[in-house]
Amino acid sequence: MTAGLLINIVSAGFILILNIYLRKEGYSDAQIAAFTSYRFLGVLVLAFPLGLFIKGKKLKPYFVLSAVLMPIAGFLMLTSVRQGNIQLIKSSFLLWGLGLMLLQVCTLPFIMRNTPEAIIPEAISLSFSTWSFSLIFTGIFIAILSAVGSFTLGQIHFPWEEYEILMLLIVISAFAIFFILPLKEGPPRSAVGIGSHFKALLLDYDWDKILRALIPTMLIAVGAGLMIPFVSLFFYSVFGIDSDQFSLIGSAAAGLGLIASLLIPAIKRRYGYNIAILLTQSLAVGFLVLMALTQLFAAVTGVVFLAMAFYIIRQPLMHMAAPITSELTMNYVGEKNQELISAINSSIWSASWYISARIFQLMRSLDIDYYSIFLITAGFYAVGILMYYFIIKDYQTELVRRLSLK
């Protein structure tokens, strides 16, 4: 968990203030969206083969590689932005995506392999909570350093601005490697993957279940890709919220998200998937719509506080369902499909976010308002939630059938 937290610190810092930093360096929304798309391009190509390859193999080496790649990608990114090297900026975004992919693709299979079945929901929730922890820490950290402003050491005047803060976060994240190296891993439960005949390997999976499970993920991922990477630009452009202020907003949302993610296993056990997934995500979509519509009243005094409140409430409602949707998906597809579904999920998120980033780039180049883009996001979310309803129904029917056969 500590290693995941440290690795996520880099991504959390980038999510909170990188886009604002890029805007201050003179890059347009369309350019920022183009850079962001490269984060998902390599993942789109490599996540599926990785899912096939890791079946039956140790996962620790991939965590080690992730811990090495993330700080390198961050350092190259900040250096290339300052130098104005467009190709290196694109390459560093690509490397960032690859490093994060290794962590994301391998985490769920690692948990499913090494955790007692009775506590898998809590283990998944705890894993997801590392992202919230990283956002909380990073948001407060950025706000404190921004408040300090600068310090003088001898004759050297050192400012705490976006570049320096992000560079320090990169240094902190580099310590993740020291927590991964001692990691103990049990033997893989599933048969070795790529070593067998490729055609037989592909036929070994339950593709009908896999495809049904992927539909809601695809819809929600497309919608999320239009909003999540660019929400800081919404607050900066519409309400003038700077990086230090947005970092606190993100930290507050993450704090509520952390509490929600730790509570969601108990909610799921008491009320079932319909409440834990469908109700929470439906409420989240409602608050997203309200947040988007605040742009229409941006000139009205106090509306900025409503926008912040809607965003802060929306985040935990949407994110709290993530551990349970992951558990549902893993259980629904079955043990032999888990490595592959984890990899395909990562590919889908990356493909969707790549496409969404390009769509966002086009829309902003055409001066389409943020609220219109976010309402489109809400539409994708709504259809995805409906698809989860059918997945839940199928899974519950299957459970009843299994019990009747015993």
Protein backbone atom coordinates (compact mmCIF):
# COMPACT_ATOMS: atom_id res chain seq x y z
CA MET A 1 0.00 0.00 0.00
CA THR A 2 2.81 2.40 0.87
CA ALA A 3 4.52 1.75 -2.45
CA GLY A 4 1.29 2.35 -4.35
CA LEU A 5 0.73 5.55 -2.39
CA LEU A 6 4.19 6.87 -3.27
CA ILE A 7 3.87 5.96 -6.95
CA ASN A 8 0.47 7.63 -7.10
CA ILE A 9 1.86 10.84 -5.62
CA VAL A 10 3.38 11.76 -8.99
CA SER A 11 0.11 11.17 -10.82
CA ALA A 12 -1.87 13.00 -8.15
CA GLY A 13 0.37 16.04 -8.48
CA PHE A 14 0.04 15.98 -12.25
CA ILE A 15 -3.74 15.60 -12.09
CA LEU A 16 -4.10 18.50 -9.67
CA ILE A 17 -1.80 21.15 -11.12
CA LEU A 18 0.04 20.01 -14.26
CA ASN A 19 -2.61 21.36 -16.65
CA ILE A 20 -2.61 24.72 -14.87
CA TYR A 21 1.19 24.77 -15.08
CA LEU A 22 1.01 24.03 -18.81
CA ARG A 23 -1.49 26.85 -19.31
CA LYS A 24 0.82 29.26 -17.48
CA GLU A 25 3.66 28.12 -19.74
CA GLY A 26 1.59 29.23 -22.74
CA TYR A 27 0.02 25.98 -23.95
CA SER A 28 -3.63 26.07 -25.07
CA ASP A 29 -6.41 23.71 -23.94
CA ALA A 30 -6.20 21.94 -27.30
CA GLN A 31 -2.43 21.39 -26.94
CA ILE A 32 -2.83 20.14 -23.37
CA ALA A 33 -5.50 17.68 -24.52
CA ALA A 34 -3.17 16.46 -27.27
CA PHE A 35 -0.36 15.89 -24.75
CA THR A 36 -2.77 14.07 -22.42
CA SER A 37 -3.81 11.70 -25.19
CA TYR A 38 -0.24 10.38 -25.39
CA ARG A 39 -0.51 9.24 -21.77
CA PHE A 40 -3.01 6.63 -22.93
CA LEU A 41 -1.58 5.71 -26.33
CA GLY A 42 1.10 3.26 -25.15
CA VAL A 43 -1.28 1.68 -22.65
CA LEU A 44 -3.80 1.13 -25.42
CA VAL A 45 -1.23 -0.86 -27.38
CA LEU A 46 0.48 -2.78 -24.56
CA ALA A 47 -2.05 -3.44 -21.79
CA PHE A 48 -3.80 -6.34 -23.57
CA PRO A 49 -0.55 -8.24 -24.35
CA LEU A 50 0.57 -7.60 -20.76
CA GLY A 51 -2.63 -9.18 -19.45
CA LEU A 52 -1.93 -12.31 -21.49
CA PHE A 53 1.72 -12.38 -20.49
CA ILE A 54 1.31 -12.06 -16.71
CA LYS A 55 -1.07 -15.01 -16.39
CA GLY A 56 0.70 -17.54 -14.19
CA LYS A 57 3.73 -15.27 -13.66
CA LYS A 58 5.12 -13.34 -10.70
CA LEU A 59 3.87 -9.76 -10.60
CA LYS A 60 6.51 -8.14 -8.38
CA PRO A 61 8.89 -7.31 -11.29
CA TYR A 62 6.19 -5.19 -12.91
CA PHE A 63 5.67 -3.22 -9.70
CA VAL A 64 9.43 -2.60 -9.60
CA LEU A 65 9.43 -1.38 -13.20
CA SER A 66 6.46 0.92 -12.47
CA ALA A 67 8.30 2.44 -9.49
CA VAL A 68 11.30 3.16 -11.73
CA LEU A 69 9.39 4.54 -14.72
CA MET A 70 7.12 6.98 -12.90
CA PRO A 71 9.79 9.32 -11.47
CA ILE A 72 11.75 9.19 -14.73
CA ALA A 73 8.65 10.13 -16.71
CA GLY A 74 7.89 12.99 -14.32
CA PHE A 75 11.40 14.40 -14.49
CA LEU A 76 11.45 14.25 -18.29
CA MET A 77 8.03 15.88 -18.47
CA LEU A 78 8.91 18.91 -16.36
CA THR A 79 12.26 19.31 -18.08
CA SER A 80 10.73 19.13 -21.55
CA VAL A 81 7.94 21.61 -20.68
CA ARG A 82 10.49 24.13 -19.43
CA GLN A 83 12.61 23.63 -22.58
CA GLY A 84 9.58 23.77 -24.89
CA ASN A 85 10.51 20.40 -26.41
CA ILE A 86 7.17 19.19 -27.81
CA GLN A 87 8.37 15.73 -28.83
CA LEU A 88 9.89 15.08 -25.42
CA ILE A 89 6.69 16.27 -23.73
CA LYS A 90 4.71 13.71 -25.76
CA SER A 91 7.26 10.98 -24.98
CA SER A 92 7.17 11.73 -21.25
CA PHE A 93 3.36 11.58 -21.21
CA LEU A 94 3.64 8.22 -23.00
CA LEU A 95 6.14 6.96 -20.41
CA TRP A 96 3.92 8.19 -17.57
CA GLY A 97 1.02 6.15 -18.95
CA LEU A 98 3.14 3.02 -19.29
CA GLY A 99 4.45 3.27 -15.73
CA LEU A 100 0.95 3.72 -14.34
CA MET A 101 -0.38 0.88 -16.51
CA LEU A 102 2.02 -1.62 -14.96
CA LEU A 103 0.74 -0.72 -11.50
CA GLN A 104 -2.93 -0.74 -12.47
CA VAL A 105 -2.95 -3.93 -14.54
CA CYS A 106 -1.12 -5.99 -11.93
CA THR A 107 -2.70 -4.70 -8.71
CA LEU A 108 -6.09 -6.44 -8.90
CA PRO A 109 -4.68 -9.84 -9.98
CA PHE A 110 -2.10 -9.53 -7.17
CA ILE A 111 -4.88 -8.92 -4.63
CA MET A 112 -7.04 -11.76 -5.97
CA ARG A 113 -4.07 -14.15 -5.82
CA ASN A 114 -2.70 -13.24 -2.40
CA THR A 115 -5.71 -12.22 -0.30
CA PRO A 116 -8.04 -14.56 1.64
CA GLU A 117 -11.40 -14.66 -0.11
CA ALA A 118 -13.32 -13.41 2.94
CA ILE A 119 -11.55 -10.04 2.94
CA ILE A 120 -11.12 -9.42 -0.80
CA PRO A 121 -13.68 -6.54 -0.85
CA GLU A 122 -11.78 -4.76 1.94
CA ALA A 123 -8.43 -5.42 0.24
CA ILE A 124 -9.68 -3.96 -3.04
CA SER A 125 -11.16 -0.95 -1.25
CA LEU A 126 -7.90 -0.38 0.61
CA SER A 127 -6.01 -0.57 -2.68
CA PHE A 128 -8.31 2.01 -4.26
CA SER A 129 -7.96 4.19 -1.17
CA THR A 130 -4.25 4.72 -1.91
CA TRP A 131 -5.30 7.05 -4.72
CA SER A 132 -7.40 9.06 -2.28
CA PHE A 133 -4.55 9.11 0.24
CA SER A 134 -2.18 10.37 -2.44
CA LEU A 135 -4.60 13.12 -3.50
CA ILE A 136 -5.15 14.22 0.10
CA PHE A 137 -1.45 14.34 0.86
CA THR A 138 -0.53 15.96 -2.44
CA GLY A 139 -3.31 18.54 -2.31
CA ILE A 140 -2.39 19.69 1.21
CA PHE A 141 1.31 19.54 0.37
CA ILE A 142 0.85 21.77 -2.70
CA ALA A 143 -1.30 24.24 -0.76
CA ILE A 144 1.24 24.55 2.07
CA LEU A 145 4.21 25.07 -0.25
CA SER A 146 2.22 27.56 -2.34
CA ALA A 147 1.35 29.47 0.84
CA VAL A 148 5.02 29.55 1.84
CA GLY A 149 5.74 31.00 -1.59
CA SER A 150 9.52 30.89 -1.51
CA PHE A 151 12.54 30.63 0.75
CA THR A 152 16.10 31.91 0.68
CA LEU A 153 19.12 29.72 1.34
CA GLY A 154 22.24 31.85 1.51
CA GLN A 155 22.33 33.78 -1.74
CA ILE A 156 19.86 31.43 -3.46
CA HIS A 157 16.21 32.44 -3.71
CA PHE A 158 14.04 29.37 -4.23
CA PRO A 159 10.37 29.80 -5.27
CA TRP A 160 7.68 27.22 -4.54
CA GLU A 161 5.81 27.33 -7.82
CA GLU A 162 4.26 24.51 -9.87
CA TYR A 163 7.55 23.36 -11.39
CA GLU A 164 9.41 23.14 -8.07
CA ILE A 165 6.50 21.52 -6.24
CA LEU A 166 6.03 18.84 -8.89
CA MET A 167 9.75 18.13 -8.97
CA LEU A 168 9.76 17.60 -5.19
CA LEU A 169 6.79 15.22 -5.48
CA ILE A 170 8.73 13.25 -8.09
CA VAL A 171 11.65 12.89 -5.67
CA ILE A 172 9.30 11.67 -2.91
CA SER A 173 7.70 9.11 -5.23
CA ALA A 174 11.10 7.63 -6.10
CA PHE A 175 11.25 6.08 -2.61
CA ALA A 176 8.49 3.62 -3.62
CA ILE A 177 11.13 1.21 -4.89
CA PHE A 178 12.38 0.60 -1.32
CA PHE A 179 8.93 -0.65 -0.29
CA ILE A 180 8.44 -2.87 -3.34
CA LEU A 181 11.77 -4.73 -3.21
CA PRO A 182 10.97 -6.55 0.10
CA LEU A 183 7.48 -7.49 -1.14
CA LYS A 184 6.57 -11.18 -0.70
CA GLU A 185 4.39 -12.84 -3.31
CA GLY A 186 2.61 -16.19 -3.24
CA PRO A 187 2.68 -18.59 -6.20
CA PRO A 188 0.31 -17.79 -9.11
CA ARG A 189 -2.99 -19.67 -8.95
CA SER A 190 -3.64 -19.75 -12.69
CA ALA A 191 -1.84 -21.66 -15.42
CA VAL A 192 1.01 -20.05 -17.31
CA GLY A 193 -0.26 -17.92 -20.17
CA ILE A 194 1.92 -17.04 -23.17
CA GLY A 195 3.97 -20.22 -22.91
CA SER A 196 1.07 -22.21 -24.37
CA HIS A 197 -0.18 -22.06 -27.94
CA PHE A 198 -1.55 -18.57 -28.61
CA LYS A 199 -4.78 -19.73 -30.26
CA ALA A 200 -5.50 -22.22 -27.46
CA LEU A 201 -4.70 -19.48 -24.95
CA LEU A 202 -7.30 -17.14 -26.38
CA LEU A 203 -9.92 -19.90 -26.56
CA ASP A 204 -9.30 -20.66 -22.89
CA TYR A 205 -11.14 -17.47 -21.88
CA ASP A 206 -14.89 -16.89 -21.44
CA TRP A 207 -15.18 -14.16 -24.02
CA ASP A 208 -18.96 -13.79 -23.77
CA LYS A 209 -18.69 -12.84 -20.09
CA ILE A 210 -15.63 -10.69 -20.68
CA LEU A 211 -17.33 -8.68 -23.42
CA ARG A 212 -20.50 -8.15 -21.38
CA ALA A 213 -18.45 -6.99 -18.41
CA LEU A 214 -16.51 -4.52 -20.54
CA ILE A 215 -19.47 -2.56 -21.96
CA PRO A 216 -20.20 -0.40 -18.88
CA THR A 217 -16.49 0.15 -18.33
CA MET A 218 -16.14 1.44 -21.89
CA LEU A 219 -19.06 3.86 -21.59
CA ILE A 220 -17.99 5.26 -18.23
CA ALA A 221 -14.36 5.51 -19.37
CA VAL A 222 -15.28 7.56 -22.44
CA GLY A 223 -17.28 9.94 -20.29
CA ALA A 224 -14.60 10.18 -17.62
CA GLY A 225 -11.96 10.95 -20.23
CA LEU A 226 -13.88 14.06 -21.24
CA MET A 227 -13.93 15.38 -17.69
CA ILE A 228 -11.43 14.07 -15.14
CA PRO A 229 -8.13 15.08 -16.82
CA PHE A 230 -9.46 18.56 -17.59
CA VAL A 231 -11.56 19.56 -14.58
CA SER A 232 -8.72 21.73 -13.26
CA LEU A 233 -8.90 23.70 -16.53
CA PHE A 234 -12.65 24.17 -15.97
CA PHE A 235 -12.11 25.74 -12.55
CA TYR A 236 -9.10 27.77 -13.74
CA SER A 237 -10.75 29.08 -16.91
CA VAL A 238 -14.31 29.64 -15.63
CA PHE A 239 -13.73 30.71 -12.03
CA GLY A 240 -10.03 31.67 -11.91
CA ILE A 241 -9.17 28.93 -9.38
CA ASP A 242 -5.37 28.66 -9.30
CA SER A 243 -3.28 25.56 -8.63
CA ASP A 244 -2.96 26.04 -4.85
CA GLN A 245 -6.72 26.51 -4.47
CA PHE A 246 -7.61 23.61 -6.76
CA SER A 247 -5.19 21.34 -4.90
CA LEU A 248 -7.19 21.96 -1.72
CA ILE A 249 -10.46 21.28 -3.55
CA GLY A 250 -9.00 18.03 -4.87
CA SER A 251 -7.72 17.14 -1.41
CA ALA A 252 -11.14 17.72 0.17
CA ALA A 253 -12.82 15.59 -2.49
CA ALA A 254 -10.22 12.86 -1.97
CA GLY A 255 -10.77 12.96 1.79
CA LEU A 256 -14.46 12.27 1.35
CA GLY A 257 -13.59 9.68 -1.30
CA LEU A 258 -11.28 7.89 1.14
CA ILE A 259 -13.99 7.67 3.79
CA ALA A 260 -16.51 6.50 1.20
CA SER A 261 -14.18 3.85 -0.25
CA LEU A 262 -13.56 2.39 3.22
CA LEU A 263 -17.29 2.32 3.98
CA ILE A 264 -18.43 0.85 0.67
CA PRO A 265 -17.68 -2.85 1.48
CA ALA A 266 -20.02 -2.61 4.50
CA ILE A 267 -22.64 -0.82 2.38
CA LYS A 268 -22.39 -3.51 -0.28
CA ARG A 269 -22.75 -6.33 2.27
CA ARG A 270 -25.80 -4.70 3.86
CA TYR A 271 -27.61 -3.30 0.84
CA GLY A 272 -26.16 -5.14 -2.14
CA TYR A 273 -24.78 -4.05 -5.49
CA ASN A 274 -27.81 -1.97 -6.47
CA ILE A 275 -27.20 0.56 -3.70
CA ALA A 276 -23.39 0.31 -3.67
CA ILE A 277 -23.05 0.82 -7.42
CA LEU A 278 -26.22 2.04 -9.08
CA LEU A 279 -27.46 4.55 -6.50
CA THR A 280 -24.07 6.08 -5.68
CA GLN A 281 -23.10 6.53 -9.32
CA SER A 282 -26.51 7.92 -10.27
CA LEU A 283 -26.20 10.56 -7.54
CA ALA A 284 -22.69 11.35 -8.79
CA VAL A 285 -24.01 11.99 -12.29
CA GLY A 286 -26.59 14.38 -10.87
CA PHE A 287 -23.95 16.43 -9.08
CA LEU A 288 -21.79 16.43 -12.22
CA VAL A 289 -24.69 17.98 -14.16
CA LEU A 290 -25.14 20.61 -11.45
CA MET A 291 -21.42 21.42 -11.49
CA ALA A 292 -21.42 21.78 -15.28
CA LEU A 293 -24.39 24.14 -15.24
CA THR A 294 -22.65 26.53 -12.84
CA GLN A 295 -20.70 27.83 -15.86
CA LEU A 296 -23.91 29.43 -17.10
CA PHE A 297 -24.09 31.48 -13.90
CA ALA A 298 -20.36 32.03 -13.38
CA ALA A 299 -20.80 35.81 -13.06
CA VAL A 300 -23.21 35.43 -10.14
CA THR A 301 -21.58 36.00 -6.75
CA GLY A 302 -21.09 32.77 -4.80
CA VAL A 303 -21.70 30.36 -7.69
CA VAL A 304 -18.04 29.33 -7.56
CA PHE A 305 -18.67 27.88 -4.09
CA LEU A 306 -21.59 25.86 -5.43
CA ALA A 307 -19.37 24.54 -8.24
CA MET A 308 -16.72 23.51 -5.71
CA ALA A 309 -19.33 21.87 -3.46
CA PHE A 310 -20.88 19.92 -6.34
CA TYR A 311 -17.42 18.71 -7.45
CA ILE A 312 -16.36 17.74 -3.92
CA ILE A 313 -19.58 15.75 -3.39
CA ARG A 314 -19.51 14.21 -6.86
CA GLN A 315 -16.01 12.77 -6.53
CA PRO A 316 -16.56 10.38 -3.58
CA LEU A 317 -19.96 9.29 -4.89
CA MET A 318 -18.44 8.25 -8.22
CA HIS A 319 -15.22 6.81 -6.86
CA MET A 320 -16.70 4.88 -3.93
CA ALA A 321 -18.30 2.44 -6.36
CA ALA A 322 -15.00 1.66 -8.11
CA PRO A 323 -13.81 -1.07 -5.69
CA ILE A 324 -17.21 -2.76 -5.81
CA THR A 325 -17.52 -2.59 -9.60
CA SER A 326 -14.01 -4.10 -9.77
CA GLU A 327 -14.99 -6.87 -7.35
CA LEU A 328 -18.24 -7.47 -9.28
CA THR A 329 -16.35 -7.66 -12.57
CA MET A 330 -13.71 -10.04 -11.20
CA ASN A 331 -16.32 -12.34 -9.66
CA TYR A 332 -18.55 -12.18 -12.72
CA VAL A 333 -15.86 -13.24 -15.21
CA GLY A 334 -14.34 -15.91 -12.96
CA GLU A 335 -10.84 -16.70 -11.75
CA LYS A 336 -9.30 -17.81 -15.06
CA ASN A 337 -10.26 -14.54 -16.75
CA GLN A 338 -9.09 -12.13 -14.05
CA GLU A 339 -5.62 -11.20 -15.35
CA LEU A 340 -7.01 -10.65 -18.83
CA ILE A 341 -10.01 -8.59 -17.72
CA SER A 342 -7.70 -6.40 -15.63
CA ALA A 343 -5.49 -5.76 -18.65
CA ILE A 344 -8.41 -5.19 -21.03
CA ASN A 345 -9.99 -2.79 -18.54
CA SER A 346 -6.75 -0.83 -18.52
CA SER A 347 -6.68 -0.88 -22.33
CA ILE A 348 -10.27 0.30 -22.50
CA TRP A 349 -9.68 3.14 -20.06
CA SER A 350 -6.61 4.18 -22.02
CA ALA A 351 -8.26 3.83 -25.42
CA SER A 352 -11.33 5.71 -24.22
CA TRP A 353 -9.32 8.45 -22.57
CA TYR A 354 -7.11 8.74 -25.65
CA ILE A 355 -10.20 9.16 -27.84
CA SER A 356 -11.82 11.46 -25.26
CA ALA A 357 -8.71 13.63 -25.05
CA ARG A 358 -8.76 14.03 -28.82
CA ILE A 359 -12.47 14.85 -28.74
CA PHE A 360 -11.86 17.39 -25.95
CA GLN A 361 -9.02 18.86 -28.03
CA LEU A 362 -11.36 19.25 -31.02
CA MET A 363 -14.21 20.66 -28.95
CA ARG A 364 -12.05 23.24 -27.22
CA SER A 365 -10.45 24.24 -30.53
CA LEU A 366 -14.02 24.93 -31.70
CA ASP A 367 -14.65 26.93 -28.48
CA ILE A 368 -17.33 24.53 -27.23
CA ASP A 369 -18.04 25.38 -23.60
CA TYR A 370 -16.94 23.20 -20.72
CA TYR A 371 -20.50 22.71 -19.51
CA SER A 372 -21.54 21.18 -22.86
CA ILE A 373 -18.62 18.75 -22.72
CA PHE A 374 -19.44 17.77 -19.13
CA LEU A 375 -23.11 17.18 -20.00
CA ILE A 376 -21.96 14.76 -22.70
CA THR A 377 -19.87 13.08 -19.98
CA ALA A 378 -22.99 12.72 -17.83
CA GLY A 379 -24.80 11.05 -20.74
CA PHE A 380 -22.07 8.41 -21.13
CA TYR A 381 -22.07 7.81 -17.37
CA ALA A 382 -25.85 7.34 -17.31
CA VAL A 383 -25.82 4.67 -20.03
CA GLY A 384 -22.87 2.92 -18.36
CA ILE A 385 -24.75 2.77 -15.06
CA LEU A 386 -27.71 1.21 -16.86
CA MET A 387 -25.39 -1.45 -18.28
CA TYR A 388 -24.13 -2.23 -14.75
CA TYR A 389 -27.74 -2.91 -13.79
CA PHE A 390 -27.85 -5.73 -16.35
CA ILE A 391 -24.46 -7.10 -15.20
CA ILE A 392 -25.68 -7.19 -11.59
CA LYS A 393 -28.88 -8.91 -12.66
CA ASP A 394 -26.93 -11.55 -14.64
CA TYR A 395 -24.51 -12.17 -11.76
CA GLN A 396 -27.29 -12.55 -9.19
CA THR A 397 -29.10 -15.00 -11.47
CA GLU A 398 -25.91 -17.01 -11.84
CA LEU A 399 -25.40 -17.10 -8.07
CA VAL A 400 -28.93 -18.43 -7.59
CA ARG A 401 -28.26 -21.12 -10.22
CA ARG A 402 -25.03 -22.17 -8.49
CA LEU A 403 -26.77 -22.45 -5.12
CA SER A 404 -29.55 -24.54 -6.63
CA LEU A 405 -26.98 -27.03 -7.99
CA LYS A 406 -25.38 -27.58 -4.59
